[in-house]
């Protein structure tokens, strides 16, 4: 199952500590159906992405993330693409 998010803000920069480029995506998305609480509206979140994102990822577009197995078997983001 692929979760889609709407991009509402993009911040790019260079890490002072590592000197590497990064992107912070500010997103809106639907709540997960697995949560049993009352949910109204949409959730907002900020997602760190190492490096830059593709040029078609812009404010107002819908995106999805690509994942791989990371440290401790947890999913880690390895890419982002417009849908």
PDB file of N, CA and C in Angstrom:
ATOM      1  N   UNK A   1       0.846  -1.179   0.000  1.00  0.00           N
ATOM      2  CA  UNK A   1       0.000   0.000   0.000  1.00  0.00           C
ATOM      3  C   UNK A   1       0.892   1.242   0.000  1.00  0.00           C
ATOM      4  N   UNK A   2       0.600   2.169  -0.882  1.00  0.00           N
ATOM      5  CA  UNK A   2       1.402   3.378  -1.002  1.00  0.00           C
ATOM      6  C   UNK A   2       0.625   4.548  -0.409  1.00  0.00           C
ATOM      7  N   UNK A   3       1.243   5.244   0.533  1.00  0.00           N
ATOM      8  CA  UNK A   3       0.623   6.418   1.125  1.00  0.00           C
ATOM      9  C   UNK A   3       1.019   7.639   0.323  1.00  0.00           C
ATOM     10  N   UNK A   4       0.036   8.497   0.016  1.00  0.00           N
ATOM     11  CA  UNK A   4       0.301   9.723  -0.716  1.00  0.00           C
ATOM     12  C   UNK A   4       0.141  10.911   0.212  1.00  0.00           C
ATOM     13  N   UNK A   5       0.953  11.935  -0.027  1.00  0.00           N
ATOM     14  CA  UNK A   5       0.924  13.158   0.756  1.00  0.00           C
ATOM     15  C   UNK A   5       0.932  14.356  -0.174  1.00  0.00           C
ATOM     16  N   UNK A   6       0.294  15.458   0.251  1.00  0.00           N
ATOM     17  CA  UNK A   6       0.325  16.708  -0.499  1.00  0.00           C
ATOM     18  C   UNK A   6       1.438  17.584   0.060  1.00  0.00           C
ATOM     19  N   UNK A   7       2.295  18.100  -0.799  1.00  0.00           N
ATOM     20  CA  UNK A   7       3.394  18.967  -0.376  1.00  0.00           C
ATOM     21  C   UNK A   7       2.850  20.380  -0.175  1.00  0.00           C
ATOM     22  N   UNK A   8       3.029  20.928   1.040  1.00  0.00           N
ATOM     23  CA  UNK A   8       2.590  22.297   1.330  1.00  0.00           C
ATOM     24  C   UNK A   8       3.766  23.219   1.623  1.00  0.00           C
ATOM     25  N   UNK A   9       4.967  22.673   1.742  1.00  0.00           N
ATOM     26  CA  UNK A   9       6.160  23.485   1.958  1.00  0.00           C
ATOM     27  C   UNK A   9       7.419  22.669   1.728  1.00  0.00           C
ATOM     28  N   UNK A  10       8.469  23.350   1.262  1.00  0.00           N
ATOM     29  CA  UNK A  10       9.758  22.696   1.021  1.00  0.00           C
ATOM     30  C   UNK A  10      10.861  23.597   1.557  1.00  0.00           C
ATOM     31  N   UNK A  11      11.729  23.039   2.400  1.00  0.00           N
ATOM     32  CA  UNK A  11      12.893  23.756   2.919  1.00  0.00           C
ATOM     33  C   UNK A  11      14.127  22.964   2.507  1.00  0.00           C
ATOM     34  N   UNK A  12      15.093  23.626   1.877  1.00  0.00           N
ATOM     35  CA  UNK A  12      16.341  22.957   1.514  1.00  0.00           C
ATOM     36  C   UNK A  12      17.491  23.638   2.229  1.00  0.00           C
ATOM     37  N   UNK A  13      18.540  22.891   2.469  1.00  0.00           N
ATOM     38  CA  UNK A  13      19.690  23.471   3.148  1.00  0.00           C
ATOM     39  C   UNK A  13      20.887  22.550   3.111  1.00  0.00           C
ATOM     40  N   UNK A  14      21.930  23.018   3.766  1.00  0.00           N
ATOM     41  CA  UNK A  14      23.170  22.259   3.918  1.00  0.00           C
ATOM     42  C   UNK A  14      23.410  22.083   5.413  1.00  0.00           C
ATOM     43  N   UNK A  15      23.614  20.855   5.844  1.00  0.00           N
ATOM     44  CA  UNK A  15      23.869  20.571   7.252  1.00  0.00           C
ATOM     45  C   UNK A  15      25.184  21.208   7.692  1.00  0.00           C
ATOM     46  N   UNK A  16      25.136  21.959   8.787  1.00  0.00           N
ATOM     47  CA  UNK A  16      26.362  22.559   9.332  1.00  0.00           C
ATOM     48  C   UNK A  16      27.304  21.479   9.859  1.00  0.00           C
ATOM     49  N   UNK A  17      26.726  20.406  10.379  1.00  0.00           N
ATOM     50  CA  UNK A  17      27.531  19.343  10.979  1.00  0.00           C
ATOM     51  C   UNK A  17      28.215  18.462   9.929  1.00  0.00           C
ATOM     52  N   UNK A  18      27.436  17.990   8.943  1.00  0.00           N
ATOM     53  CA  UNK A  18      27.990  17.046   7.962  1.00  0.00           C
ATOM     54  C   UNK A  18      28.382  17.696   6.636  1.00  0.00           C
ATOM     55  N   UNK A  19      27.837  18.881   6.360  1.00  0.00           N
ATOM     56  CA  UNK A  19      28.102  19.538   5.084  1.00  0.00           C
ATOM     57  C   UNK A  19      27.300  18.962   3.925  1.00  0.00           C
ATOM     58  N   UNK A  20      26.343  18.066   4.225  1.00  0.00           N
ATOM     59  CA  UNK A  20      25.537  17.427   3.180  1.00  0.00           C
ATOM     60  C   UNK A  20      24.218  18.173   2.980  1.00  0.00           C
ATOM     61  N   UNK A  21      23.710  18.117   1.753  1.00  0.00           N
ATOM     62  CA  UNK A  21      22.427  18.742   1.424  1.00  0.00           C
ATOM     63  C   UNK A  21      21.283  17.934   2.036  1.00  0.00           C
ATOM     64  N   UNK A  22      20.199  18.632   2.371  1.00  0.00           N
ATOM     65  CA  UNK A  22      18.998  17.974   2.875  1.00  0.00           C
ATOM     66  C   UNK A  22      17.773  18.741   2.404  1.00  0.00           C
ATOM     67  N   UNK A  23      16.627  18.085   2.494  1.00  0.00           N
ATOM     68  CA  UNK A  23      15.345  18.697   2.180  1.00  0.00           C
ATOM     69  C   UNK A  23      14.371  18.331   3.290  1.00  0.00           C
ATOM     70  N   UNK A  24      13.607  19.316   3.746  1.00  0.00           N
ATOM     71  CA  UNK A  24      12.519  19.073   4.695  1.00  0.00           C
ATOM     72  C   UNK A  24      11.218  19.306   3.941  1.00  0.00           C
ATOM     73  N   UNK A  25      10.387  18.282   3.862  1.00  0.00           N
ATOM     74  CA  UNK A  25       9.097  18.381   3.190  1.00  0.00           C
ATOM     75  C   UNK A  25       8.006  18.549   4.233  1.00  0.00           C
ATOM     76  N   UNK A  26       7.190  19.581   4.081  1.00  0.00           N
ATOM     77  CA  UNK A  26       6.032  19.807   4.946  1.00  0.00           C
ATOM     78  C   UNK A  26       4.824  19.267   4.187  1.00  0.00           C
ATOM     79  N   UNK A  27       4.109  18.330   4.817  1.00  0.00           N
ATOM     80  CA  UNK A  27       3.122  17.519   4.110  1.00  0.00           C
ATOM     81  C   UNK A  27       1.771  17.481   4.808  1.00  0.00           C
ATOM     82  N   UNK A  28       0.732  17.256   4.015  1.00  0.00           N
ATOM     83  CA  UNK A  28      -0.602  16.932   4.509  1.00  0.00           C
ATOM     84  C   UNK A  28      -0.947  15.544   3.996  1.00  0.00           C
ATOM     85  N   UNK A  29      -1.572  14.749   4.845  1.00  0.00           N
ATOM     86  CA  UNK A  29      -1.961  13.407   4.423  1.00  0.00           C
ATOM     87  C   UNK A  29      -3.177  12.938   5.190  1.00  0.00           C
ATOM     88  N   UNK A  30      -3.788  11.892   4.704  1.00  0.00           N
ATOM     89  CA  UNK A  30      -4.934  11.306   5.390  1.00  0.00           C
ATOM     90  C   UNK A  30      -4.453  10.547   6.619  1.00  0.00           C
ATOM     91  N   UNK A  31      -5.309  10.487   7.625  1.00  0.00           N
ATOM     92  CA  UNK A  31      -4.981   9.713   8.813  1.00  0.00           C
ATOM     93  C   UNK A  31      -4.952   8.228   8.477  1.00  0.00           C
ATOM     94  N   UNK A  32      -4.145   7.482   9.191  1.00  0.00           N
ATOM     95  CA  UNK A  32      -4.062   6.041   9.020  1.00  0.00           C
ATOM     96  C   UNK A  32      -5.333   5.390   9.554  1.00  0.00           C
ATOM     97  N   UNK A  33      -5.856   4.444   8.813  1.00  0.00           N
ATOM     98  CA  UNK A  33      -7.072   3.744   9.232  1.00  0.00           C
ATOM     99  C   UNK A  33      -6.826   2.839  10.431  1.00  0.00           C
ATOM    100  N   UNK A  34      -5.570   2.564  10.775  1.00  0.00           N
ATOM    101  CA  UNK A  34      -5.262   1.659  11.880  1.00  0.00           C
ATOM    102  C   UNK A  34      -5.440   2.316  13.243  1.00  0.00           C
ATOM    103  N   UNK A  35      -5.549   3.635  13.274  1.00  0.00           N
ATOM    104  CA  UNK A  35      -5.702   4.349  14.534  1.00  0.00           C
ATOM    105  C   UNK A  35      -7.176   4.342  14.930  1.00  0.00           C
ATOM    106  N   UNK A  36      -7.497   3.949  16.170  1.00  0.00           N
ATOM    107  CA  UNK A  36      -8.891   3.812  16.591  1.00  0.00           C
ATOM    108  C   UNK A  36      -9.471   5.089  17.186  1.00  0.00           C
ATOM    109  N   UNK A  37      -8.720   6.172  17.194  1.00  0.00           N
ATOM    110  CA  UNK A  37      -9.213   7.431  17.738  1.00  0.00           C
ATOM    111  C   UNK A  37     -10.115   8.134  16.731  1.00  0.00           C
ATOM    112  N   UNK A  38     -10.882   9.125  17.219  1.00  0.00           N
ATOM    113  CA  UNK A  38     -11.695   9.952  16.334  1.00  0.00           C
ATOM    114  C   UNK A  38     -10.759  10.847  15.539  1.00  0.00           C
ATOM    115  N   UNK A  39     -10.918  10.866  14.237  1.00  0.00           N
ATOM    116  CA  UNK A  39     -10.022  11.631  13.365  1.00  0.00           C
ATOM    117  C   UNK A  39     -10.848  12.545  12.472  1.00  0.00           C
ATOM    118  N   UNK A  40     -10.546  13.832  12.528  1.00  0.00           N
ATOM    119  CA  UNK A  40     -11.222  14.810  11.690  1.00  0.00           C
ATOM    120  C   UNK A  40     -10.175  15.567  10.894  1.00  0.00           C
ATOM    121  N   UNK A  41     -10.441  15.824   9.643  1.00  0.00           N
ATOM    122  CA  UNK A  41      -9.495  16.575   8.825  1.00  0.00           C
ATOM    123  C   UNK A  41      -8.365  15.703   8.311  1.00  0.00           C
ATOM    124  N   UNK A  42      -7.178  16.306   8.235  1.00  0.00           N
ATOM    125  CA  UNK A  42      -5.995  15.612   7.718  1.00  0.00           C
ATOM    126  C   UNK A  42      -4.834  15.816   8.681  1.00  0.00           C
ATOM    127  N   UNK A  43      -3.857  14.930   8.629  1.00  0.00           N
ATOM    128  CA  UNK A  43      -2.672  15.071   9.476  1.00  0.00           C
ATOM    129  C   UNK A  43      -1.618  15.910   8.765  1.00  0.00           C
ATOM    130  N   UNK A  44      -0.813  16.633   9.525  1.00  0.00           N
ATOM    131  CA  UNK A  44       0.310  17.410   8.986  1.00  0.00           C
ATOM    132  C   UNK A  44       1.585  16.805   9.543  1.00  0.00           C
ATOM    133  N   UNK A  45       2.607  16.730   8.710  1.00  0.00           N
ATOM    134  CA  UNK A  45       3.875  16.206   9.176  1.00  0.00           C
ATOM    135  C   UNK A  45       5.019  16.817   8.389  1.00  0.00           C
ATOM    136  N   UNK A  46       6.197  16.729   8.963  1.00  0.00           N
ATOM    137  CA  UNK A  46       7.418  17.189   8.316  1.00  0.00           C
ATOM    138  C   UNK A  46       8.327  15.981   8.161  1.00  0.00           C
ATOM    139  N   UNK A  47       8.859  15.786   6.958  1.00  0.00           N
ATOM    140  CA  UNK A  47       9.704  14.631   6.684  1.00  0.00           C
ATOM    141  C   UNK A  47      11.062  15.074   6.169  1.00  0.00           C
ATOM    142  N   UNK A  48      12.124  14.621   6.829  1.00  0.00           N
ATOM    143  CA  UNK A  48      13.501  14.878   6.406  1.00  0.00           C
ATOM    144  C   UNK A  48      13.849  13.931   5.266  1.00  0.00           C
ATOM    145  N   UNK A  49      14.462  14.467   4.217  1.00  0.00           N
ATOM    146  CA  UNK A  49      14.950  13.660   3.102  1.00  0.00           C
ATOM    147  C   UNK A  49      16.403  14.039   2.873  1.00  0.00           C
ATOM    148  N   UNK A  50      17.288  13.058   2.893  1.00  0.00           N
ATOM    149  CA  UNK A  50      18.705  13.334   2.648  1.00  0.00           C
ATOM    150  C   UNK A  50      18.895  13.736   1.189  1.00  0.00           C
ATOM    151  N   UNK A  51      19.637  14.800   0.959  1.00  0.00           N
ATOM    152  CA  UNK A  51      19.891  15.279  -0.398  1.00  0.00           C
ATOM    153  C   UNK A  51      18.733  16.114  -0.921  1.00  0.00           C
ATOM    154  N   UNK A  52      18.672  16.221  -2.229  1.00  0.00           N
ATOM    155  CA  UNK A  52      17.605  16.995  -2.854  1.00  0.00           C
ATOM    156  C   UNK A  52      16.516  16.049  -3.346  1.00  0.00           C
ATOM    157  N   UNK A  53      15.378  16.629  -3.703  1.00  0.00           N
ATOM    158  CA  UNK A  53      14.264  15.840  -4.231  1.00  0.00           C
ATOM    159  C   UNK A  53      14.160  16.103  -5.732  1.00  0.00           C
ATOM    160  N   UNK A  54      13.504  15.218  -6.485  1.00  0.00           N
ATOM    161  CA  UNK A  54      13.358  15.439  -7.925  1.00  0.00           C
ATOM    162  C   UNK A  54      12.660  16.769  -8.229  1.00  0.00           C
ATOM    163  N   UNK A  55      12.933  17.342  -9.396  1.00  0.00           N
ATOM    164  CA  UNK A  55      12.384  18.642  -9.766  1.00  0.00           C
ATOM    165  C   UNK A  55      10.869  18.645  -9.877  1.00  0.00           C
ATOM    166  N   UNK A  56      10.247  17.483 -10.101  1.00  0.00           N
ATOM    167  CA  UNK A  56       8.787  17.454 -10.199  1.00  0.00           C
ATOM    168  C   UNK A  56       8.105  17.425  -8.830  1.00  0.00           C
ATOM    169  N   UNK A  57       8.877  17.375  -7.757  1.00  0.00           N
ATOM    170  CA  UNK A  57       8.324  17.472  -6.402  1.00  0.00           C
ATOM    171  C   UNK A  57       8.293  18.953  -6.038  1.00  0.00           C
ATOM    172  N   UNK A  58       7.091  19.545  -6.106  1.00  0.00           N
ATOM    173  CA  UNK A  58       6.904  20.977  -5.879  1.00  0.00           C
ATOM    174  C   UNK A  58       5.718  21.183  -4.944  1.00  0.00           C
ATOM    175  N   UNK A  59       5.616  22.388  -4.390  1.00  0.00           N
ATOM    176  CA  UNK A  59       4.477  22.722  -3.536  1.00  0.00           C
ATOM    177  C   UNK A  59       3.192  22.535  -4.335  1.00  0.00           C
ATOM    178  N   UNK A  60       2.239  21.821  -3.741  1.00  0.00           N
ATOM    179  CA  UNK A  60       0.956  21.568  -4.374  1.00  0.00           C
ATOM    180  C   UNK A  60       0.835  20.198  -5.013  1.00  0.00           C
ATOM    181  N   UNK A  61       1.953  19.503  -5.222  1.00  0.00           N
ATOM    182  CA  UNK A  61       1.876  18.183  -5.860  1.00  0.00           C
ATOM    183  C   UNK A  61       1.655  17.097  -4.807  1.00  0.00           C
ATOM    184  N   UNK A  62       1.266  15.921  -5.279  1.00  0.00           N
ATOM    185  CA  UNK A  62       1.142  14.743  -4.420  1.00  0.00           C
ATOM    186  C   UNK A  62       2.398  13.906  -4.585  1.00  0.00           C
ATOM    187  N   UNK A  63       2.883  13.357  -3.476  1.00  0.00           N
ATOM    188  CA  UNK A  63       4.104  12.555  -3.505  1.00  0.00           C
ATOM    189  C   UNK A  63       3.901  11.234  -2.786  1.00  0.00           C
ATOM    190  N   UNK A  64       4.816  10.322  -3.031  1.00  0.00           N
ATOM    191  CA  UNK A  64       4.901   9.062  -2.290  1.00  0.00           C
ATOM    192  C   UNK A  64       6.379   8.796  -2.038  1.00  0.00           C
ATOM    193  N   UNK A  65       6.662   8.055  -0.990  1.00  0.00           N
ATOM    194  CA  UNK A  65       8.042   7.740  -0.626  1.00  0.00           C
ATOM    195  C   UNK A  65       8.404   6.330  -1.059  1.00  0.00           C
ATOM    196  N   UNK A  66       9.681   6.122  -1.336  1.00  0.00           N
ATOM    197  CA  UNK A  66      10.236   4.796  -1.593  1.00  0.00           C
ATOM    198  C   UNK A  66      11.005   4.393  -0.339  1.00  0.00           C
ATOM    199  N   UNK A  67      10.824   3.155   0.108  1.00  0.00           N
ATOM    200  CA  UNK A  67      11.428   2.687   1.348  1.00  0.00           C
ATOM    201  C   UNK A  67      12.343   1.492   1.111  1.00  0.00           C
ATOM    202  N   UNK A  68      13.298   1.325   2.015  1.00  0.00           N
ATOM    203  CA  UNK A  68      14.147   0.139   2.081  1.00  0.00           C
ATOM    204  C   UNK A  68      14.251  -0.252   3.554  1.00  0.00           C
ATOM    205  N   UNK A  69      14.749  -1.444   3.814  1.00  0.00           N
ATOM    206  CA  UNK A  69      14.952  -1.889   5.190  1.00  0.00           C
ATOM    207  C   UNK A  69      16.201  -1.200   5.723  1.00  0.00           C
ATOM    208  N   UNK A  70      16.048  -0.526   6.855  1.00  0.00           N
ATOM    209  CA  UNK A  70      17.164   0.206   7.439  1.00  0.00           C
ATOM    210  C   UNK A  70      17.663  -0.432   8.720  1.00  0.00           C
ATOM    211  N   UNK A  71      18.310   0.362   9.555  1.00  0.00           N
ATOM    212  CA  UNK A  71      18.891  -0.081  10.814  1.00  0.00           C
ATOM    213  C   UNK A  71      17.830  -0.730  11.693  1.00  0.00           C
ATOM    214  N   UNK A  72      18.136  -1.874  12.236  1.00  0.00           N
ATOM    215  CA  UNK A  72      17.218  -2.582  13.123  1.00  0.00           C
ATOM    216  C   UNK A  72      15.992  -3.130  12.420  1.00  0.00           C
ATOM    217  N   UNK A  73      16.039  -3.230  11.084  1.00  0.00           N
ATOM    218  CA  UNK A  73      14.908  -3.762  10.343  1.00  0.00           C
ATOM    219  C   UNK A  73      13.785  -2.772  10.123  1.00  0.00           C
ATOM    220  N   UNK A  74      14.013  -1.529  10.485  1.00  0.00           N
ATOM    221  CA  UNK A  74      12.974  -0.509  10.320  1.00  0.00           C
ATOM    222  C   UNK A  74      13.047   0.099   8.921  1.00  0.00           C
ATOM    223  N   UNK A  75      11.881   0.524   8.385  1.00  0.00           N
ATOM    224  CA  UNK A  75      11.908   1.139   7.057  1.00  0.00           C
ATOM    225  C   UNK A  75      12.619   2.488   7.087  1.00  0.00           C
ATOM    226  N   UNK A  76      13.346   2.774   6.030  1.00  0.00           N
ATOM    227  CA  UNK A  76      14.018   4.058   5.888  1.00  0.00           C
ATOM    228  C   UNK A  76      13.703   4.604   4.499  1.00  0.00           C
ATOM    229  N   UNK A  77      13.543   5.907   4.392  1.00  0.00           N
ATOM    230  CA  UNK A  77      13.217   6.534   3.114  1.00  0.00           C
ATOM    231  C   UNK A  77      14.458   6.561   2.232  1.00  0.00           C
ATOM    232  N   UNK A  78      14.311   6.059   1.012  1.00  0.00           N
ATOM    233  CA  UNK A  78      15.425   6.060   0.056  1.00  0.00           C
ATOM    234  C   UNK A  78      15.108   6.893  -1.178  1.00  0.00           C
ATOM    235  N   UNK A  79      13.900   7.414  -1.248  1.00  0.00           N
ATOM    236  CA  UNK A  79      13.528   8.240  -2.390  1.00  0.00           C
ATOM    237  C   UNK A  79      12.137   8.813  -2.229  1.00  0.00           C
ATOM    238  N   UNK A  80      11.842   9.784  -3.077  1.00  0.00           N
ATOM    239  CA  UNK A  80      10.524  10.411  -3.106  1.00  0.00           C
ATOM    240  C   UNK A  80      10.189  10.687  -4.563  1.00  0.00           C
ATOM    241  N   UNK A  81       8.907  10.532  -4.913  1.00  0.00           N
ATOM    242  CA  UNK A  81       8.504  10.804  -6.295  1.00  0.00           C
ATOM    243  C   UNK A  81       7.099  11.393  -6.338  1.00  0.00           C
ATOM    244  N   UNK A  82       6.869  12.233  -7.351  1.00  0.00           N
ATOM    245  CA  UNK A  82       5.542  12.803  -7.564  1.00  0.00           C
ATOM    246  C   UNK A  82       4.630  11.724  -8.139  1.00  0.00           C
ATOM    247  N   UNK A  83       3.366  11.764  -7.749  1.00  0.00           N
ATOM    248  CA  UNK A  83       2.389  10.797  -8.277  1.00  0.00           C
ATOM    249  C   UNK A  83       1.263  11.523  -8.988  1.00  0.00           C
TER     250      UNK A  83
END
